[in-house]
Amino acid sequence: METLLASARVSSDIRGRLQSHGIAGVQARHYDGHDYLDEKREALALLLHLLQEQSANVVHIKTA
C-alpha cells in the first residue's frame, strides 16, 4: 500500500494516517482536529483502482 500510493503521489501524511501511524508534533496533537476522512477515502479509491489495474495485468495459468 505504501509503495503504490507513494508512486501515485499521495502525500506521506495521508499514507501515514491510512496506516494509523501516529502523527507527531504539537500542531497535529493539539491543534489539527480535521479527520482527513475525504482525503483518506480518495486515497483508498485510488489504491483500489491501482490494485484492480495490476490484477488485470496478471496472467492466470490453469494447471490440471
C-alpha atoms as a PDB file:
ATOM      1  CA  MET A   1       0.000   0.000   0.000  1.00  0.00           C
ATOM      2  CA  GLU A   2       2.727   2.438   0.964  1.00  0.00           C
ATOM      3  CA  THR A   3       4.683   1.976  -2.249  1.00  0.00           C
ATOM      4  CA  LEU A   4       1.672   2.044  -4.568  1.00  0.00           C
ATOM      5  CA  LEU A   5       0.259   5.209  -3.052  1.00  0.00           C
ATOM      6  CA  ALA A   6       3.675   6.866  -2.951  1.00  0.00           C
ATOM      7  CA  SER A   7       4.121   6.116  -6.656  1.00  0.00           C
ATOM      8  CA  ALA A   8       0.721   7.737  -7.245  1.00  0.00           C
ATOM      9  CA  ARG A   9       1.957  10.858  -5.410  1.00  0.00           C
ATOM     10  CA  VAL A  10      -0.283  10.510  -2.344  1.00  0.00           C
ATOM     11  CA  SER A  11       1.341  12.508   0.457  1.00  0.00           C
ATOM     12  CA  SER A  12       3.239  10.718   3.200  1.00  0.00           C
ATOM     13  CA  ASP A  13       0.892  12.365   5.716  1.00  0.00           C
ATOM     14  CA  ILE A  14      -2.204  10.761   4.178  1.00  0.00           C
ATOM     15  CA  ARG A  15      -0.416   7.420   3.734  1.00  0.00           C
ATOM     16  CA  GLY A  16       0.548   7.511   7.403  1.00  0.00           C
ATOM     17  CA  ARG A  17      -2.964   8.348   8.504  1.00  0.00           C
ATOM     18  CA  LEU A  18      -4.353   5.438   6.455  1.00  0.00           C
ATOM     19  CA  GLN A  19      -1.964   3.085   8.207  1.00  0.00           C
ATOM     20  CA  SER A  20      -2.812   4.515  11.644  1.00  0.00           C
ATOM     21  CA  HIS A  21       0.727   5.696  12.212  1.00  0.00           C
ATOM     22  CA  GLY A  22       0.976   8.207  14.992  1.00  0.00           C
ATOM     23  CA  ILE A  23       1.150  11.751  13.723  1.00  0.00           C
ATOM     24  CA  ALA A  24       3.721  13.545  15.846  1.00  0.00           C
ATOM     25  CA  GLY A  25       4.174  17.150  16.777  1.00  0.00           C
ATOM     26  CA  VAL A  26       2.359  19.776  18.776  1.00  0.00           C
ATOM     27  CA  GLN A  27       0.310  21.036  15.849  1.00  0.00           C
ATOM     28  CA  ALA A  28      -1.023  17.589  14.933  1.00  0.00           C
ATOM     29  CA  ARG A  29      -1.573  16.559  18.535  1.00  0.00           C
ATOM     30  CA  HIS A  30      -3.282  19.692  19.852  1.00  0.00           C
ATOM     31  CA  TYR A  31      -4.496  21.940  17.066  1.00  0.00           C
ATOM     32  CA  ASP A  32      -5.357  19.887  13.978  1.00  0.00           C
ATOM     33  CA  GLY A  33      -8.821  18.469  14.616  1.00  0.00           C
ATOM     34  CA  HIS A  34      -9.548  17.647  10.983  1.00  0.00           C
ATOM     35  CA  ASP A  35     -10.290  13.929  10.490  1.00  0.00           C
ATOM     36  CA  TYR A  36      -8.950  13.787   6.893  1.00  0.00           C
ATOM     37  CA  LEU A  37     -11.803  11.434   6.013  1.00  0.00           C
ATOM     38  CA  ASP A  38     -12.302  12.808   2.490  1.00  0.00           C
ATOM     39  CA  GLU A  39      -8.582  12.653   1.771  1.00  0.00           C
ATOM     40  CA  LYS A  40      -8.336   9.091   3.089  1.00  0.00           C
ATOM     41  CA  ARG A  41     -11.369   7.977   1.043  1.00  0.00           C
ATOM     42  CA  GLU A  42      -9.843   9.490  -2.079  1.00  0.00           C
ATOM     43  CA  ALA A  43      -6.541   7.703  -1.439  1.00  0.00           C
ATOM     44  CA  LEU A  44      -8.316   4.391  -0.804  1.00  0.00           C
ATOM     45  CA  ALA A  45     -10.332   4.743  -4.010  1.00  0.00           C
ATOM     46  CA  LEU A  46      -7.083   5.375  -5.863  1.00  0.00           C
ATOM     47  CA  LEU A  47      -5.493   2.341  -4.187  1.00  0.00           C
ATOM     48  CA  LEU A  48      -8.428   0.156  -5.264  1.00  0.00           C
ATOM     49  CA  HIS A  49      -8.054   1.400  -8.836  1.00  0.00           C
ATOM     50  CA  LEU A  50      -4.313   0.691  -8.829  1.00  0.00           C
ATOM     51  CA  LEU A  51      -4.827  -2.811  -7.426  1.00  0.00           C
ATOM     52  CA  GLN A  52      -7.539  -3.605  -9.962  1.00  0.00           C
ATOM     53  CA  GLU A  53      -5.288  -2.322 -12.729  1.00  0.00           C
ATOM     54  CA  GLN A  54      -2.443  -4.546 -11.556  1.00  0.00           C
ATOM     55  CA  SER A  55      -4.770  -7.519 -11.195  1.00  0.00           C
ATOM     56  CA  ALA A  56      -5.957  -7.086 -14.785  1.00  0.00           C
ATOM     57  CA  ASN A  57      -2.341  -7.371 -15.920  1.00  0.00           C
ATOM     58  CA  VAL A  58      -1.764 -10.688 -14.130  1.00  0.00           C
ATOM     59  CA  VAL A  59      -1.694 -13.737 -16.385  1.00  0.00           C
ATOM     60  CA  HIS A  60      -3.697 -16.589 -14.919  1.00  0.00           C
ATOM     61  CA  ILE A  61      -2.386 -20.030 -15.808  1.00  0.00           C
ATOM     62  CA  LYS A  62      -4.660 -23.000 -15.248  1.00  0.00           C
ATOM     63  CA  THR A  63      -2.994 -26.204 -14.199  1.00  0.00           C
ATOM     64  CA  ALA A  64      -4.515 -29.642 -14.364  1.00  0.00           C
END
